[in-house]
């Protein structure tokens, strides 16, 4: 099961790092033009903060467990990303963007899966 958790955490980390880096690096207007209509509901600073949370969460999914330094941070990062994706699902549904809520829901459920199993006994 540990290998499965590592694979899921790696895929999640890659997805969140890429999405977060894009939000941090590009201006809000360019994100909106590229199809991220949800960004209209947030300030540029808020969009950048969401991106930063995603990048930090991606780092937290891998480094603490891999380096065996404060490995409890890995399930905490996964739980934080699950909460972030729960917020994303709510935003997409409020905007009527059901196609945007499905990927957020899948990522959130995978992050929750990692959080729950990494919090379990003998998981560190």
N, C-alpha and C. Protein backbone atom coordinates (compact mmCIF):
# COMPACT_ATOMS: atom_id res chain seq x y z
N UNK A 1 0.83 -1.20 0.00
CA UNK A 1 0.00 0.00 0.00
C UNK A 1 0.87 1.26 0.00
N UNK A 2 2.06 1.13 0.59
CA UNK A 2 2.94 2.29 0.65
C UNK A 2 3.33 2.77 -0.75
N UNK A 3 3.55 1.83 -1.66
CA UNK A 3 3.92 2.20 -3.03
C UNK A 3 2.77 2.94 -3.71
N UNK A 4 1.55 2.46 -3.48
CA UNK A 4 0.36 3.11 -4.05
C UNK A 4 0.26 4.54 -3.53
N UNK A 5 0.48 4.73 -2.23
CA UNK A 5 0.42 6.07 -1.66
C UNK A 5 1.48 6.98 -2.26
N UNK A 6 2.68 6.44 -2.47
CA UNK A 6 3.75 7.25 -3.07
C UNK A 6 3.40 7.65 -4.50
N UNK A 7 2.83 6.72 -5.25
CA UNK A 7 2.48 7.02 -6.64
C UNK A 7 1.39 8.09 -6.68
N UNK A 8 0.35 7.92 -5.85
CA UNK A 8 -0.73 8.91 -5.82
C UNK A 8 -0.21 10.26 -5.36
N UNK A 9 0.63 10.26 -4.32
CA UNK A 9 1.19 11.51 -3.82
C UNK A 9 2.06 12.18 -4.88
N UNK A 10 2.80 11.38 -5.64
CA UNK A 10 3.64 11.95 -6.70
C UNK A 10 2.82 12.58 -7.81
N UNK A 11 1.76 11.89 -8.22
CA UNK A 11 0.88 12.44 -9.26
C UNK A 11 0.20 13.71 -8.75
N UNK A 12 -0.29 13.67 -7.52
CA UNK A 12 -0.91 14.87 -6.94
C UNK A 12 0.08 16.02 -6.85
N UNK A 13 1.29 15.72 -6.40
CA UNK A 13 2.31 16.77 -6.26
C UNK A 13 2.61 17.40 -7.61
N UNK A 14 2.73 16.59 -8.65
CA UNK A 14 2.99 17.13 -9.98
C UNK A 14 1.84 18.01 -10.46
N UNK A 15 0.61 17.53 -10.25
CA UNK A 15 -0.56 18.30 -10.69
C UNK A 15 -0.67 19.62 -9.94
N UNK A 16 -0.53 19.57 -8.62
CA UNK A 16 -0.66 20.79 -7.83
C UNK A 16 0.50 21.75 -8.05
N UNK A 17 1.70 21.22 -8.23
CA UNK A 17 2.85 22.09 -8.48
C UNK A 17 2.68 22.83 -9.81
N UNK A 18 2.24 22.11 -10.84
CA UNK A 18 2.06 22.74 -12.15
C UNK A 18 0.93 23.77 -12.12
N UNK A 19 -0.21 23.39 -11.54
CA UNK A 19 -1.35 24.32 -11.49
C UNK A 19 -1.03 25.53 -10.62
N UNK A 20 -0.39 25.29 -9.50
CA UNK A 20 -0.05 26.39 -8.61
C UNK A 20 0.98 27.33 -9.20
N UNK A 21 1.99 26.77 -9.85
CA UNK A 21 3.01 27.60 -10.47
C UNK A 21 2.41 28.47 -11.57
N UNK A 22 1.46 27.91 -12.31
CA UNK A 22 0.81 28.69 -13.36
C UNK A 22 0.05 29.87 -12.74
N UNK A 23 -0.64 29.64 -11.64
CA UNK A 23 -1.40 30.71 -11.00
C UNK A 23 -0.49 31.78 -10.43
N UNK A 24 0.67 31.36 -9.93
CA UNK A 24 1.61 32.32 -9.35
C UNK A 24 2.31 33.12 -10.45
N UNK A 25 2.65 32.47 -11.56
CA UNK A 25 3.47 33.09 -12.59
C UNK A 25 2.70 33.96 -13.57
N UNK A 26 1.43 33.65 -13.81
CA UNK A 26 0.70 34.38 -14.84
C UNK A 26 -0.26 35.39 -14.21
N UNK A 27 -0.47 36.51 -14.89
CA UNK A 27 -1.43 37.48 -14.37
C UNK A 27 -2.86 36.93 -14.46
N UNK A 28 -3.70 37.47 -13.62
CA UNK A 28 -5.09 37.03 -13.54
C UNK A 28 -5.77 37.11 -14.90
N UNK A 29 -5.54 38.17 -15.64
CA UNK A 29 -6.19 38.34 -16.94
C UNK A 29 -5.83 37.22 -17.91
N UNK A 30 -4.57 36.79 -17.89
CA UNK A 30 -4.15 35.71 -18.78
C UNK A 30 -4.78 34.38 -18.36
N UNK A 31 -4.93 34.17 -17.05
CA UNK A 31 -5.58 32.95 -16.57
C UNK A 31 -7.04 32.91 -17.03
N UNK A 32 -7.72 34.05 -16.95
CA UNK A 32 -9.12 34.12 -17.37
C UNK A 32 -9.23 33.84 -18.86
N UNK A 33 -8.32 34.43 -19.65
CA UNK A 33 -8.32 34.20 -21.09
C UNK A 33 -8.07 32.74 -21.45
N UNK A 34 -7.30 32.04 -20.62
CA UNK A 34 -6.97 30.64 -20.92
C UNK A 34 -8.05 29.67 -20.46
N UNK A 35 -9.18 30.21 -19.96
CA UNK A 35 -10.30 29.34 -19.60
C UNK A 35 -10.56 29.19 -18.12
N UNK A 36 -9.81 29.89 -17.30
CA UNK A 36 -10.04 29.82 -15.86
C UNK A 36 -10.97 30.95 -15.44
N UNK A 37 -12.22 30.83 -15.82
CA UNK A 37 -13.20 31.87 -15.54
C UNK A 37 -13.43 32.12 -14.07
N UNK A 38 -13.18 31.11 -13.25
CA UNK A 38 -13.36 31.27 -11.81
C UNK A 38 -12.51 32.39 -11.24
N UNK A 39 -11.39 32.71 -11.90
CA UNK A 39 -10.48 33.74 -11.41
C UNK A 39 -11.15 35.12 -11.39
N UNK A 40 -12.23 35.29 -12.17
CA UNK A 40 -12.97 36.55 -12.16
C UNK A 40 -13.54 36.86 -10.77
N UNK A 41 -13.81 35.82 -9.99
CA UNK A 41 -14.42 35.99 -8.67
C UNK A 41 -13.40 36.34 -7.59
N UNK A 42 -12.13 36.40 -7.93
CA UNK A 42 -11.07 36.63 -6.95
C UNK A 42 -10.16 37.77 -7.40
N UNK A 43 -9.49 38.39 -6.44
CA UNK A 43 -8.51 39.42 -6.78
C UNK A 43 -7.24 38.72 -7.29
N UNK A 44 -6.38 39.49 -7.93
CA UNK A 44 -5.12 38.94 -8.41
C UNK A 44 -4.29 38.36 -7.27
N UNK A 45 -4.30 39.03 -6.14
CA UNK A 45 -3.55 38.55 -4.97
C UNK A 45 -4.12 37.23 -4.46
N UNK A 46 -5.44 37.12 -4.43
CA UNK A 46 -6.05 35.88 -3.98
C UNK A 46 -5.71 34.71 -4.91
N UNK A 47 -5.70 34.96 -6.19
CA UNK A 47 -5.34 33.92 -7.16
C UNK A 47 -3.90 33.47 -6.92
N UNK A 48 -3.00 34.42 -6.70
CA UNK A 48 -1.61 34.08 -6.44
C UNK A 48 -1.47 33.31 -5.13
N UNK A 49 -2.25 33.68 -4.12
CA UNK A 49 -2.20 32.95 -2.84
C UNK A 49 -2.71 31.51 -3.01
N UNK A 50 -3.76 31.33 -3.80
CA UNK A 50 -4.25 29.98 -4.08
C UNK A 50 -3.15 29.17 -4.75
N UNK A 51 -2.46 29.78 -5.71
CA UNK A 51 -1.36 29.11 -6.38
C UNK A 51 -0.23 28.75 -5.42
N UNK A 52 0.09 29.67 -4.52
CA UNK A 52 1.14 29.41 -3.54
C UNK A 52 0.76 28.26 -2.61
N UNK A 53 -0.50 28.22 -2.20
CA UNK A 53 -0.98 27.12 -1.35
C UNK A 53 -0.82 25.80 -2.08
N UNK A 54 -1.15 25.79 -3.38
CA UNK A 54 -1.02 24.55 -4.15
C UNK A 54 0.44 24.11 -4.29
N UNK A 55 1.32 25.05 -4.53
CA UNK A 55 2.75 24.71 -4.66
C UNK A 55 3.30 24.21 -3.33
N UNK A 56 2.97 24.90 -2.24
CA UNK A 56 3.45 24.47 -0.92
C UNK A 56 2.86 23.11 -0.54
N UNK A 57 1.60 22.89 -0.89
CA UNK A 57 0.98 21.60 -0.63
C UNK A 57 1.67 20.48 -1.40
N UNK A 58 2.04 20.77 -2.65
CA UNK A 58 2.75 19.78 -3.47
C UNK A 58 4.09 19.42 -2.84
N UNK A 59 4.79 20.42 -2.36
CA UNK A 59 6.07 20.17 -1.68
C UNK A 59 5.83 19.35 -0.42
N UNK A 60 4.79 19.71 0.33
CA UNK A 60 4.47 19.01 1.57
C UNK A 60 4.04 17.56 1.37
N UNK A 61 3.53 17.23 0.21
CA UNK A 61 3.15 15.84 -0.06
C UNK A 61 4.36 14.92 -0.18
N UNK A 62 5.48 15.47 -0.61
CA UNK A 62 6.64 14.63 -0.93
C UNK A 62 7.80 14.77 0.06
N UNK A 63 8.27 15.99 0.26
CA UNK A 63 9.53 16.18 0.99
C UNK A 63 9.53 15.66 2.43
N UNK A 64 8.54 15.97 3.26
CA UNK A 64 8.64 15.50 4.65
C UNK A 64 8.75 13.97 4.76
N UNK A 65 7.95 13.26 3.99
CA UNK A 65 8.01 11.79 4.04
C UNK A 65 9.29 11.27 3.40
N UNK A 66 9.70 11.86 2.29
CA UNK A 66 10.89 11.39 1.58
C UNK A 66 12.16 11.61 2.39
N UNK A 67 12.24 12.75 3.07
CA UNK A 67 13.43 13.07 3.85
C UNK A 67 13.35 12.59 5.29
N UNK A 68 12.17 12.08 5.67
CA UNK A 68 11.91 11.63 7.04
C UNK A 68 12.18 12.74 8.06
N UNK A 69 11.82 13.95 7.67
CA UNK A 69 11.91 15.10 8.57
C UNK A 69 10.49 15.61 8.79
N UNK A 70 9.98 15.45 9.99
CA UNK A 70 8.61 15.83 10.33
C UNK A 70 7.61 15.22 9.34
N UNK A 71 7.59 13.89 9.22
CA UNK A 71 6.72 13.26 8.24
C UNK A 71 5.23 13.48 8.50
N UNK A 72 4.88 13.95 9.68
CA UNK A 72 3.47 14.26 9.95
C UNK A 72 2.98 15.39 9.05
N UNK A 73 3.89 16.15 8.47
CA UNK A 73 3.49 17.23 7.57
C UNK A 73 2.90 16.71 6.26
N UNK A 74 3.23 15.49 5.87
CA UNK A 74 2.70 14.95 4.62
C UNK A 74 1.18 14.78 4.68
N UNK A 75 0.62 14.09 5.69
CA UNK A 75 -0.84 14.00 5.73
C UNK A 75 -1.50 15.35 5.99
N UNK A 76 -0.82 16.24 6.68
CA UNK A 76 -1.39 17.58 6.90
C UNK A 76 -1.46 18.34 5.57
N UNK A 77 -0.43 18.20 4.75
CA UNK A 77 -0.44 18.84 3.44
C UNK A 77 -1.55 18.25 2.57
N UNK A 78 -1.70 16.93 2.63
CA UNK A 78 -2.75 16.27 1.85
C UNK A 78 -4.13 16.73 2.31
N UNK A 79 -4.32 16.85 3.61
CA UNK A 79 -5.61 17.31 4.14
C UNK A 79 -5.87 18.76 3.72
N UNK A 80 -4.83 19.58 3.76
CA UNK A 80 -4.98 20.96 3.33
C UNK A 80 -5.35 21.07 1.86
N UNK A 81 -4.73 20.23 1.03
CA UNK A 81 -5.07 20.24 -0.39
C UNK A 81 -6.49 19.72 -0.63
N UNK A 82 -6.91 18.74 0.16
CA UNK A 82 -8.29 18.25 0.05
C UNK A 82 -9.28 19.37 0.38
N UNK A 83 -8.98 20.15 1.41
CA UNK A 83 -9.84 21.29 1.76
C UNK A 83 -9.82 22.35 0.66
N UNK A 84 -8.66 22.58 0.10
CA UNK A 84 -8.54 23.54 -1.00
C UNK A 84 -9.41 23.11 -2.18
N UNK A 85 -9.38 21.83 -2.50
CA UNK A 85 -10.18 21.32 -3.61
C UNK A 85 -11.67 21.32 -3.28
N UNK A 86 -12.02 21.15 -2.01
CA UNK A 86 -13.43 21.26 -1.62
C UNK A 86 -13.92 22.68 -1.91
N UNK A 87 -13.09 23.66 -1.60
CA UNK A 87 -13.43 25.04 -1.93
C UNK A 87 -13.54 25.26 -3.42
N UNK A 88 -12.65 24.63 -4.18
CA UNK A 88 -12.69 24.76 -5.63
C UNK A 88 -13.98 24.16 -6.20
N UNK A 89 -14.40 23.03 -5.66
CA UNK A 89 -15.65 22.41 -6.12
C UNK A 89 -16.82 23.36 -5.86
N UNK A 90 -16.85 23.96 -4.68
CA UNK A 90 -17.93 24.89 -4.35
C UNK A 90 -17.94 26.08 -5.31
N UNK A 91 -16.78 26.64 -5.58
CA UNK A 91 -16.69 27.79 -6.49
C UNK A 91 -17.18 27.41 -7.88
N UNK A 92 -16.73 26.27 -8.38
CA UNK A 92 -17.15 25.85 -9.73
C UNK A 92 -18.65 25.58 -9.79
N UNK A 93 -19.19 24.94 -8.77
CA UNK A 93 -20.63 24.65 -8.79
C UNK A 93 -21.46 25.93 -8.69
N UNK A 94 -21.01 26.88 -7.88
CA UNK A 94 -21.73 28.16 -7.79
C UNK A 94 -21.73 28.90 -9.12
N UNK A 95 -20.66 28.72 -9.88
CA UNK A 95 -20.57 29.38 -11.18
C UNK A 95 -21.24 28.57 -12.29
N UNK A 96 -21.76 27.39 -11.95
CA UNK A 96 -22.39 26.54 -12.94
C UNK A 96 -21.40 25.82 -13.83
N UNK A 97 -20.17 25.70 -13.39
CA UNK A 97 -19.12 25.05 -14.16
C UNK A 97 -18.94 23.60 -13.69
N UNK A 98 -19.87 22.75 -14.07
CA UNK A 98 -19.79 21.37 -13.61
C UNK A 98 -18.56 20.66 -14.17
N UNK A 99 -18.13 21.05 -15.36
CA UNK A 99 -16.94 20.43 -15.94
C UNK A 99 -15.68 20.78 -15.15
N UNK A 100 -15.67 21.93 -14.50
CA UNK A 100 -14.53 22.32 -13.67
C UNK A 100 -14.55 21.69 -12.30
N UNK A 101 -15.73 21.31 -11.84
CA UNK A 101 -15.83 20.74 -10.50
C UNK A 101 -15.39 19.28 -10.46
N UNK A 102 -15.49 18.56 -11.56
CA UNK A 102 -15.13 17.14 -11.57
C UNK A 102 -13.63 16.92 -11.32
N UNK A 103 -12.73 17.59 -12.04
CA UNK A 103 -11.31 17.40 -11.74
C UNK A 103 -10.96 17.82 -10.32
N UNK A 104 -11.55 18.91 -9.85
CA UNK A 104 -11.28 19.35 -8.48
C UNK A 104 -11.75 18.31 -7.47
N UNK A 105 -12.90 17.70 -7.74
CA UNK A 105 -13.42 16.67 -6.85
C UNK A 105 -12.51 15.45 -6.85
N UNK A 106 -12.04 15.03 -8.01
CA UNK A 106 -11.16 13.87 -8.10
C UNK A 106 -9.84 14.14 -7.36
N UNK A 107 -9.24 15.30 -7.60
CA UNK A 107 -7.99 15.65 -6.91
C UNK A 107 -8.21 15.73 -5.40
N UNK A 108 -9.33 16.30 -5.00
CA UNK A 108 -9.63 16.40 -3.57
C UNK A 108 -9.81 15.04 -2.92
N UNK A 109 -10.50 14.14 -3.60
CA UNK A 109 -10.69 12.79 -3.05
C UNK A 109 -9.37 12.02 -2.98
N UNK A 110 -8.53 12.18 -3.98
CA UNK A 110 -7.21 11.53 -3.92
C UNK A 110 -6.36 12.09 -2.79
N UNK A 111 -6.41 13.40 -2.61
CA UNK A 111 -5.67 14.02 -1.50
C UNK A 111 -6.21 13.54 -0.16
N UNK A 112 -7.52 13.42 -0.05
CA UNK A 112 -8.13 12.91 1.18
C UNK A 112 -7.70 11.47 1.44
N UNK A 113 -7.64 10.66 0.39
CA UNK A 113 -7.18 9.27 0.50
C UNK A 113 -5.76 9.22 1.06
N UNK A 114 -4.88 10.06 0.52
CA UNK A 114 -3.50 10.11 1.01
C UNK A 114 -3.46 10.57 2.46
N UNK A 115 -4.24 11.60 2.78
CA UNK A 115 -4.25 12.12 4.15
C UNK A 115 -4.70 11.05 5.14
N UNK A 116 -5.78 10.36 4.82
CA UNK A 116 -6.31 9.36 5.75
C UNK A 116 -5.33 8.22 5.95
N UNK A 117 -4.77 7.70 4.87
CA UNK A 117 -3.87 6.56 5.01
C UNK A 117 -2.51 6.95 5.59
N UNK A 118 -2.07 8.18 5.35
CA UNK A 118 -0.80 8.62 5.95
C UNK A 118 -0.96 8.97 7.44
N UNK A 119 -2.17 9.28 7.88
CA UNK A 119 -2.40 9.54 9.30
C UNK A 119 -2.53 8.24 10.09
N UNK A 120 -2.72 7.13 9.39
CA UNK A 120 -2.95 5.85 10.06
C UNK A 120 -1.75 5.37 10.84
N UNK A 121 -1.95 4.32 11.65
CA UNK A 121 -0.83 3.79 12.43
C UNK A 121 0.23 3.18 11.52
N UNK A 122 1.46 3.27 11.93
CA UNK A 122 2.61 2.73 11.18
C UNK A 122 2.74 3.31 9.78
N UNK A 123 2.28 4.52 9.58
CA UNK A 123 2.33 5.10 8.24
C UNK A 123 3.58 5.93 8.01
N UNK A 124 4.32 6.19 9.05
CA UNK A 124 5.51 7.05 8.88
C UNK A 124 6.76 6.25 8.85
